[in-house]
C-alpha cells in the first residue's frame, strides 16, 4: 500500500500498524524519520530496535532476514531500523520476502528510511502492491503542515496551544518535525501537562524553557555557509562548537535549505527571480520576510553552473554531497564535529566562488 506525508500529520494511514515492512523515502528525511519513529512506537509490541545501514545490506542482502528472524538478547520482540540511500535495501528486502514465501517463518517489522529514493524507485515498486508493506514519500513541509503536526503532538501530550504558538514552534524548529517534537515534549514537562490532565501553554511558557530562536539556532550558520560568507563562517563554526549544536541537526538544516532551493527552482526555473513571486507563493515555498534576502542570494549562487560549460547547477552537486555528509556524521559520531566543520568550510568556499 502507498501513503502520502499528509496521511501522517495527525495519525497514520488506515491499516498501517498491521504492516510488517515500511519504506519511507523522499527529500524530507526529517519527516520520514519522524513518521517512522512514531509508527514504530505505535506497534503493539515493537520491542528492541536493531539498526542496520543500507551499506550493510548492500554487502550482505541475507543480513536483513537473519536479523529480522532472530530473537532479542533477552527473548523479547524486536524491530529493524534501516537507514539507507536510494535502492541500497532492495535486494535485502526482496530476499526477505522470498524466504518468507518459502516458509522461513515470521520476521520482525522492518523500517527503511531511504534518502535519495522516491516512490518510483525499484524498492517502492517491489513493495507498493503488497498488503503487508507500506510505502510513503515525504516532501519538504510548509509552515502550515508542520504547525498542524505540532498541534497533533500537543494534543497527544495534553497541551492546549494558544494563539500562534504552534506556528512559532514550527518556525523555530526550522520546519523539522523531530526538533518540533522535542520542543513540545519540553513544554509539556514544564507545564506539567498530561493527556488525562491537559494544561494550557502560552508563548511565555515556551520562552521560559529556552526554546531556540533564530539567533541561537541554525539559521545564521546555514546562511553563512550557503551564502559563501567567508568572513562570517569562522565565527559561526566557533559559535556552533560553543553552543554544542548537534552536527546532524546542522546537516539537516542545510539539507532543508537545499531542498527549499530546489523547490523554488521547480516553481520559477533556475533562471527565475524570487522577487517576482507574490506573498502567497512565497509563503507556500517557506520564504519568510526575515530570510528572504538570504534565500535570494543563495538561490542565485547555487543556480550557477557547477563548472564552466557544465549543464548541471551547483545545487545539483550540493544535494548528494549533503546526503553523504549526513550518512558520514551518523556513522562517525566521535569525529562528527571535526568532520562537519571541514565540510562546512569546503561548501562555503565553493559557494563563494565566482561563476
Protein backbone atom coordinates (compact mmCIF):
# COMPACT_ATOMS: atom_id res chain seq x y z
CA UNK A 1 0.00 0.00 0.00
CA UNK A 2 1.05 3.61 -0.59
CA UNK A 3 0.60 6.74 1.51
CA UNK A 4 1.43 10.45 1.42
CA UNK A 5 3.14 12.51 4.10
CA UNK A 6 -0.19 14.28 4.72
CA UNK A 7 -1.56 10.94 5.98
CA UNK A 8 0.85 11.20 8.94
CA UNK A 9 0.02 14.72 10.11
CA UNK A 10 -2.38 13.69 12.89
CA UNK A 11 -2.26 9.91 12.75
CA UNK A 12 -1.44 7.01 10.43
CA UNK A 13 -2.92 5.65 7.21
CA UNK A 14 -5.61 3.02 7.75
CA UNK A 15 -4.06 -0.40 8.32
CA UNK A 16 -0.53 0.95 8.74
CA UNK A 17 0.14 -0.74 12.08
CA UNK A 18 -0.74 -4.13 10.56
CA UNK A 19 2.09 -3.89 8.01
CA UNK A 20 5.47 -5.57 8.52
CA UNK A 21 7.66 -3.69 6.03
CA UNK A 22 7.82 0.12 5.87
CA UNK A 23 9.66 2.07 3.18
CA UNK A 24 9.78 5.83 3.85
CA UNK A 25 11.50 7.93 1.19
CA UNK A 26 11.57 11.39 -0.39
CA UNK A 27 13.54 14.62 0.08
CA UNK A 28 12.21 15.31 3.60
CA UNK A 29 14.39 12.88 5.55
CA UNK A 30 13.41 14.52 8.84
CA UNK A 31 9.70 13.99 8.21
CA UNK A 32 10.24 10.41 7.05
CA UNK A 33 12.31 9.54 10.12
CA UNK A 34 9.82 11.17 12.50
CA UNK A 35 6.87 9.33 10.95
CA UNK A 36 8.73 6.02 11.06
CA UNK A 37 9.64 6.56 14.73
CA UNK A 38 6.03 7.37 15.67
CA UNK A 39 4.76 4.34 13.78
CA UNK A 40 7.32 2.06 15.43
CA UNK A 41 6.22 3.38 18.84
CA UNK A 42 2.58 2.66 17.93
CA UNK A 43 3.18 -1.02 17.16
CA UNK A 44 1.56 -3.38 19.69
CA UNK A 45 4.97 -4.75 20.71
CA UNK A 46 7.84 -3.00 18.95
CA UNK A 47 10.48 -4.32 21.35
CA UNK A 48 14.21 -3.79 20.85
CA UNK A 49 15.39 -1.60 17.98
CA UNK A 50 18.16 -3.10 15.83
CA UNK A 51 19.87 -0.62 13.49
CA UNK A 52 21.41 -1.51 10.14
CA UNK A 53 22.77 0.63 7.33
CA UNK A 54 22.00 0.42 3.66
CA UNK A 55 25.68 -0.27 3.01
CA UNK A 56 25.50 -3.31 5.33
CA UNK A 57 22.55 -4.72 3.37
CA UNK A 58 24.12 -3.99 0.01
CA UNK A 59 27.18 -6.01 1.01
CA UNK A 60 25.14 -8.83 2.54
CA UNK A 61 21.47 -8.99 1.44
CA UNK A 62 20.84 -12.02 3.69
CA UNK A 63 21.71 -10.00 6.79
CA UNK A 64 18.25 -8.40 6.98
CA UNK A 65 16.47 -11.75 7.09
CA UNK A 66 18.91 -13.09 9.67
CA UNK A 67 18.35 -10.13 11.98
CA UNK A 68 14.58 -9.96 11.41
CA UNK A 69 14.14 -13.62 12.34
CA UNK A 70 16.49 -13.59 15.32
CA UNK A 71 15.25 -13.11 18.86
CA UNK A 72 16.29 -10.32 21.21
CA UNK A 73 19.13 -10.95 23.64
CA UNK A 74 16.56 -11.09 26.44
CA UNK A 75 13.98 -13.05 24.45
CA UNK A 76 11.65 -10.15 23.67
CA UNK A 77 10.37 -8.68 20.42
CA UNK A 78 12.46 -6.52 18.11
CA UNK A 79 12.11 -4.31 15.07
CA UNK A 80 14.70 -3.50 12.43
CA UNK A 81 15.60 0.09 11.54
CA UNK A 82 17.49 0.63 8.28
CA UNK A 83 18.91 3.97 7.20
CA UNK A 84 19.64 3.64 3.51
CA UNK A 85 20.32 5.67 0.39
CA UNK A 86 18.44 5.05 -2.84
CA UNK A 87 17.84 1.35 -3.50
CA UNK A 88 20.51 0.06 -1.10
CA UNK A 89 17.94 -2.12 0.68
CA UNK A 90 16.18 -3.51 -2.42
CA UNK A 91 17.96 -6.87 -2.69
CA UNK A 92 17.76 -7.47 1.07
CA UNK A 93 14.02 -6.78 1.13
CA UNK A 94 13.46 -8.98 -1.91
CA UNK A 95 15.41 -11.78 -0.20
CA UNK A 96 13.37 -11.28 3.00
CA UNK A 97 10.10 -11.55 1.05
CA UNK A 98 11.20 -14.58 -0.99
CA UNK A 99 12.37 -16.52 2.06
CA UNK A 100 9.11 -15.70 3.86
CA UNK A 101 7.12 -17.02 0.91
CA UNK A 102 9.26 -20.17 1.01
CA UNK A 103 8.29 -20.79 4.63
CA UNK A 104 11.18 -19.26 6.56
CA UNK A 105 8.82 -18.01 9.25
CA UNK A 106 7.64 -14.69 10.64
CA UNK A 107 10.02 -11.73 10.68
CA UNK A 108 10.23 -8.65 12.86
CA UNK A 109 8.86 -5.39 11.45
CA UNK A 110 11.35 -3.62 9.18
CA UNK A 111 11.53 0.18 8.82
CA UNK A 112 13.60 1.58 5.96
CA UNK A 113 14.24 5.33 5.79
CA UNK A 114 15.80 5.92 2.38
CA UNK A 115 17.25 9.26 1.35
CA UNK A 116 17.71 9.91 -2.38
CA UNK A 117 14.85 7.48 -3.14
CA UNK A 118 11.33 8.13 -4.39
CA UNK A 119 8.06 6.24 -4.64
CA UNK A 120 9.09 5.39 -8.22
CA UNK A 121 12.26 3.57 -7.14
CA UNK A 122 12.79 -0.18 -7.54
CA UNK A 123 12.30 -0.72 -3.82
CA UNK A 124 8.99 1.16 -3.81
CA UNK A 125 7.79 -0.83 -6.83
CA UNK A 126 8.73 -4.05 -5.03
CA UNK A 127 6.57 -3.19 -2.02
CA UNK A 128 3.74 -0.88 -3.07
CA UNK A 129 1.23 -3.59 -4.05
CA UNK A 130 1.82 -5.78 -1.02
CA UNK A 131 -0.77 -5.75 1.76
CA UNK A 132 1.93 -6.26 4.39
CA UNK A 133 4.04 -3.29 3.25
CA UNK A 134 3.68 0.49 3.38
CA UNK A 135 5.44 2.91 1.03
CA UNK A 136 5.32 6.63 1.84
CA UNK A 137 7.09 9.54 0.19
CA UNK A 138 7.79 12.68 2.19
CA UNK A 139 8.14 16.11 0.59
CA UNK A 140 9.62 19.19 2.31
CA UNK A 141 6.82 20.53 4.53
CA UNK A 142 5.39 24.03 4.58
CA UNK A 143 4.72 26.06 7.70
CA UNK A 144 1.02 25.24 7.92
CA UNK A 145 1.63 21.49 7.64
CA UNK A 146 4.26 21.48 10.39
CA UNK A 147 2.11 23.73 12.59
CA UNK A 148 -0.73 21.24 12.19
CA UNK A 149 1.64 18.43 13.13
CA UNK A 150 2.71 20.42 16.21
CA UNK A 151 -0.93 20.75 17.26
CA UNK A 152 -1.28 16.99 16.95
CA UNK A 153 1.83 16.47 19.11
CA UNK A 154 0.45 18.91 21.66
CA UNK A 155 -2.93 17.15 21.79
CA UNK A 156 -1.18 13.82 22.40
CA UNK A 157 0.90 15.38 25.20
CA UNK A 158 -2.08 17.08 26.87
CA UNK A 159 -1.14 20.62 25.83
CA UNK A 160 -3.56 23.28 24.68
CA UNK A 161 -1.65 25.71 22.49
CA UNK A 162 -2.91 29.27 22.43
CA UNK A 163 -2.64 31.84 19.65
CA UNK A 164 0.01 31.23 17.02
CA UNK A 165 2.21 29.17 19.33
CA UNK A 166 2.08 26.09 17.08
CA UNK A 167 3.40 28.16 14.17
CA UNK A 168 6.06 29.71 16.40
CA UNK A 169 7.30 26.26 17.45
CA UNK A 170 7.24 25.04 13.84
CA UNK A 171 9.19 28.06 12.60
CA UNK A 172 11.66 27.91 15.49
CA UNK A 173 12.36 24.25 14.68
CA UNK A 174 13.13 25.16 11.08
CA UNK A 175 10.13 23.05 9.93
CA UNK A 176 11.88 19.94 11.31
CA UNK A 177 9.19 17.82 12.96
CA UNK A 178 11.74 16.00 15.11
CA UNK A 179 13.00 19.23 16.65
CA UNK A 180 9.39 20.40 17.00
CA UNK A 181 8.53 17.19 18.87
CA UNK A 182 11.41 17.86 21.25
CA UNK A 183 10.07 21.37 21.91
CA UNK A 184 6.56 20.06 22.58
CA UNK A 185 7.90 17.40 24.95
CA UNK A 186 9.87 20.00 26.93
CA UNK A 187 6.88 22.31 27.00
CA UNK A 188 4.59 19.54 28.29
CA UNK A 189 7.04 18.78 31.11
CA UNK A 190 7.32 22.45 32.02
CA UNK A 191 3.53 22.89 32.10
CA UNK A 192 3.03 19.57 33.93
CA UNK A 193 0.67 18.53 31.15
CA UNK A 194 -0.72 15.04 30.70
CA UNK A 195 -3.30 13.57 28.29
CA UNK A 196 -5.51 12.84 31.32
CA UNK A 197 -4.91 16.32 32.75
CA UNK A 198 -4.49 18.80 29.86
CA UNK A 199 -2.86 22.16 30.54
CA UNK A 200 -2.79 25.39 28.51
CA UNK A 201 0.55 26.62 27.15
CA UNK A 202 1.40 30.23 26.34
CA UNK A 203 4.21 31.93 24.38
CA UNK A 204 5.64 32.95 27.77
CA UNK A 205 5.85 29.28 28.78
CA UNK A 206 7.63 28.50 25.53
CA UNK A 207 10.11 31.31 26.09
CA UNK A 208 10.74 30.10 29.63
CA UNK A 209 12.01 26.68 28.54
CA UNK A 210 14.73 28.32 26.44
CA UNK A 211 13.31 27.43 23.05
CA UNK A 212 15.67 28.05 20.18
CA UNK A 213 15.48 31.36 18.43
CA UNK A 214 16.91 32.45 15.12
CA UNK A 215 19.96 33.91 16.85
CA UNK A 216 20.89 30.77 18.79
CA UNK A 217 19.69 28.28 16.17
CA UNK A 218 20.98 27.01 12.86
CA UNK A 219 19.88 29.85 10.54
CA UNK A 220 22.97 32.13 10.81
CA UNK A 221 25.30 29.18 10.23
CA UNK A 222 23.27 27.90 7.26
CA UNK A 223 23.22 31.38 5.72
CA UNK A 224 26.97 31.86 6.17
CA UNK A 225 27.77 28.50 4.56
CA UNK A 226 25.33 28.50 1.64
CA UNK A 227 25.74 32.24 1.09
CA UNK A 228 29.52 31.87 0.76
CA UNK A 229 30.02 34.48 3.52
CA UNK A 230 33.59 33.51 4.34
CA UNK A 231 34.06 36.49 6.65
CA UNK A 232 31.31 35.15 8.94
CA UNK A 233 31.93 31.43 8.51
CA UNK A 234 34.77 31.05 11.02
CA UNK A 235 32.78 32.81 13.74
CA UNK A 236 29.70 30.72 13.01
CA UNK A 237 31.65 27.46 13.22
CA UNK A 238 33.13 28.63 16.53
CA UNK A 239 29.62 29.52 17.76
CA UNK A 240 28.43 26.05 16.70
CA UNK A 241 31.07 24.48 18.95
CA UNK A 242 30.46 26.84 21.87
CA UNK A 243 26.69 26.19 21.84
CA UNK A 244 27.16 22.47 21.26
CA UNK A 245 24.87 22.45 18.23
CA UNK A 246 24.14 18.89 17.15
CA UNK A 247 26.19 18.08 13.99
CA UNK A 248 23.39 16.00 12.49
CA UNK A 249 20.94 18.81 13.26
CA UNK A 250 23.18 21.26 11.37
CA UNK A 251 23.37 18.86 8.43
CA UNK A 252 19.57 18.54 8.46
CA UNK A 253 19.21 22.32 8.43
CA UNK A 254 21.48 22.52 5.38
CA UNK A 255 19.52 19.72 3.67
CA UNK A 256 16.24 21.52 4.32
CA UNK A 257 17.55 24.75 2.82
CA UNK A 258 18.94 22.88 -0.22
CA UNK A 259 15.57 21.15 -0.66
CA UNK A 260 13.86 24.54 -0.39
CA UNK A 261 16.12 26.00 -3.10
CA UNK A 262 15.32 23.00 -5.32
CA UNK A 263 11.61 23.51 -4.68
CA UNK A 264 11.90 27.18 -5.64
CA UNK A 265 13.77 26.24 -8.83
CA UNK A 266 10.98 23.81 -9.65
CA UNK A 267 8.46 26.64 -9.35
CA UNK A 268 10.24 29.51 -11.14
CA UNK A 269 13.04 27.79 -13.07
CA UNK A 270 16.77 28.06 -12.46
CA UNK A 271 16.87 31.50 -14.06
CA UNK A 272 13.74 32.85 -12.39
CA UNK A 273 13.53 35.66 -9.86
CA UNK A 274 12.15 35.09 -6.37
CA UNK A 275 11.15 38.77 -6.28
CA UNK A 276 8.55 38.03 -8.97
CA UNK A 277 6.59 35.74 -6.63
CA UNK A 278 3.54 37.11 -4.83
CA UNK A 279 3.31 36.90 -1.00
CA UNK A 280 1.12 33.79 -1.10
CA UNK A 281 3.56 31.95 -3.36
CA UNK A 282 6.47 32.93 -1.13
CA UNK A 283 4.62 31.60 1.91
CA UNK A 284 3.97 28.29 0.15
CA UNK A 285 7.68 27.99 -0.58
CA UNK A 286 8.65 28.86 3.02
CA UNK A 287 10.19 32.21 2.08
CA UNK A 288 9.56 34.44 5.08
CA UNK A 289 10.46 38.10 5.39
CA UNK A 290 13.46 37.68 7.71
CA UNK A 291 15.11 35.09 5.49
CA UNK A 292 14.07 36.37 2.06
CA UNK A 293 17.25 38.32 1.31
CA UNK A 294 19.46 35.38 2.31
CA UNK A 295 17.39 32.90 0.29
CA UNK A 296 17.53 35.12 -2.80
CA UNK A 297 21.32 35.39 -2.51
CA UNK A 298 21.71 31.63 -2.03
CA UNK A 299 19.34 30.80 -4.88
CA UNK A 300 21.31 32.97 -7.28
CA UNK A 301 24.62 31.41 -6.19
CA UNK A 302 23.52 27.77 -6.30
CA UNK A 303 21.71 28.05 -9.63
CA UNK A 304 25.02 28.92 -11.31
CA UNK A 305 26.64 26.18 -13.47
CA UNK A 306 28.65 23.72 -11.38
CA UNK A 307 31.66 24.40 -13.59
CA UNK A 308 32.39 26.38 -16.72
CA UNK A 309 30.33 24.86 -19.54
CA UNK A 310 28.58 22.35 -17.23
CA UNK A 311 24.87 21.63 -17.72
CA UNK A 312 24.27 20.81 -14.07
CA UNK A 313 23.94 23.53 -11.44
CA UNK A 314 25.93 23.92 -8.25
CA UNK A 315 22.81 22.79 -6.38
CA UNK A 316 22.81 19.52 -8.34
CA UNK A 317 26.19 18.78 -6.80
CA UNK A 318 25.32 20.09 -3.35
CA UNK A 319 22.34 17.82 -2.65
CA UNK A 320 24.15 14.44 -2.93
CA UNK A 321 27.12 15.91 -1.04
CA UNK A 322 24.87 16.87 1.88
CA UNK A 323 23.25 13.43 1.83
CA UNK A 324 26.68 11.80 2.01
CA UNK A 325 27.68 14.18 4.83
CA UNK A 326 24.58 13.19 6.81
CA UNK A 327 25.41 9.48 6.47
CA UNK A 328 29.05 10.03 7.43
CA UNK A 329 28.10 12.00 10.54
CA UNK A 330 25.78 9.21 11.68
CA UNK A 331 28.47 6.58 11.05
CA UNK A 332 31.29 8.56 12.74
CA UNK A 333 29.71 10.21 15.76
CA UNK A 334 33.02 10.58 17.63
CA UNK A 335 34.58 12.69 14.87
CA UNK A 336 31.34 14.30 13.72
CA UNK A 337 32.11 17.84 14.88
CA UNK A 338 35.53 17.99 13.17
CA UNK A 339 34.18 16.33 10.02
CA UNK A 340 31.28 18.78 9.87
CA UNK A 341 33.49 21.85 10.37
CA UNK A 342 35.74 20.77 7.49
CA UNK A 343 32.78 20.16 5.19
CA UNK A 344 31.14 23.48 6.09
CA UNK A 345 34.35 25.28 5.15
CA UNK A 346 34.55 23.42 1.82
CA UNK A 347 30.93 24.15 0.94
CA UNK A 348 31.31 27.79 1.98
CA UNK A 349 34.38 28.23 -0.22
CA UNK A 350 32.57 26.60 -3.15
CA UNK A 351 29.59 28.92 -2.66
CA UNK A 352 31.90 31.95 -2.59
CA UNK A 353 33.45 31.13 -5.97
CA UNK A 354 32.57 33.39 -8.84
CA UNK A 355 30.99 31.91 -11.96
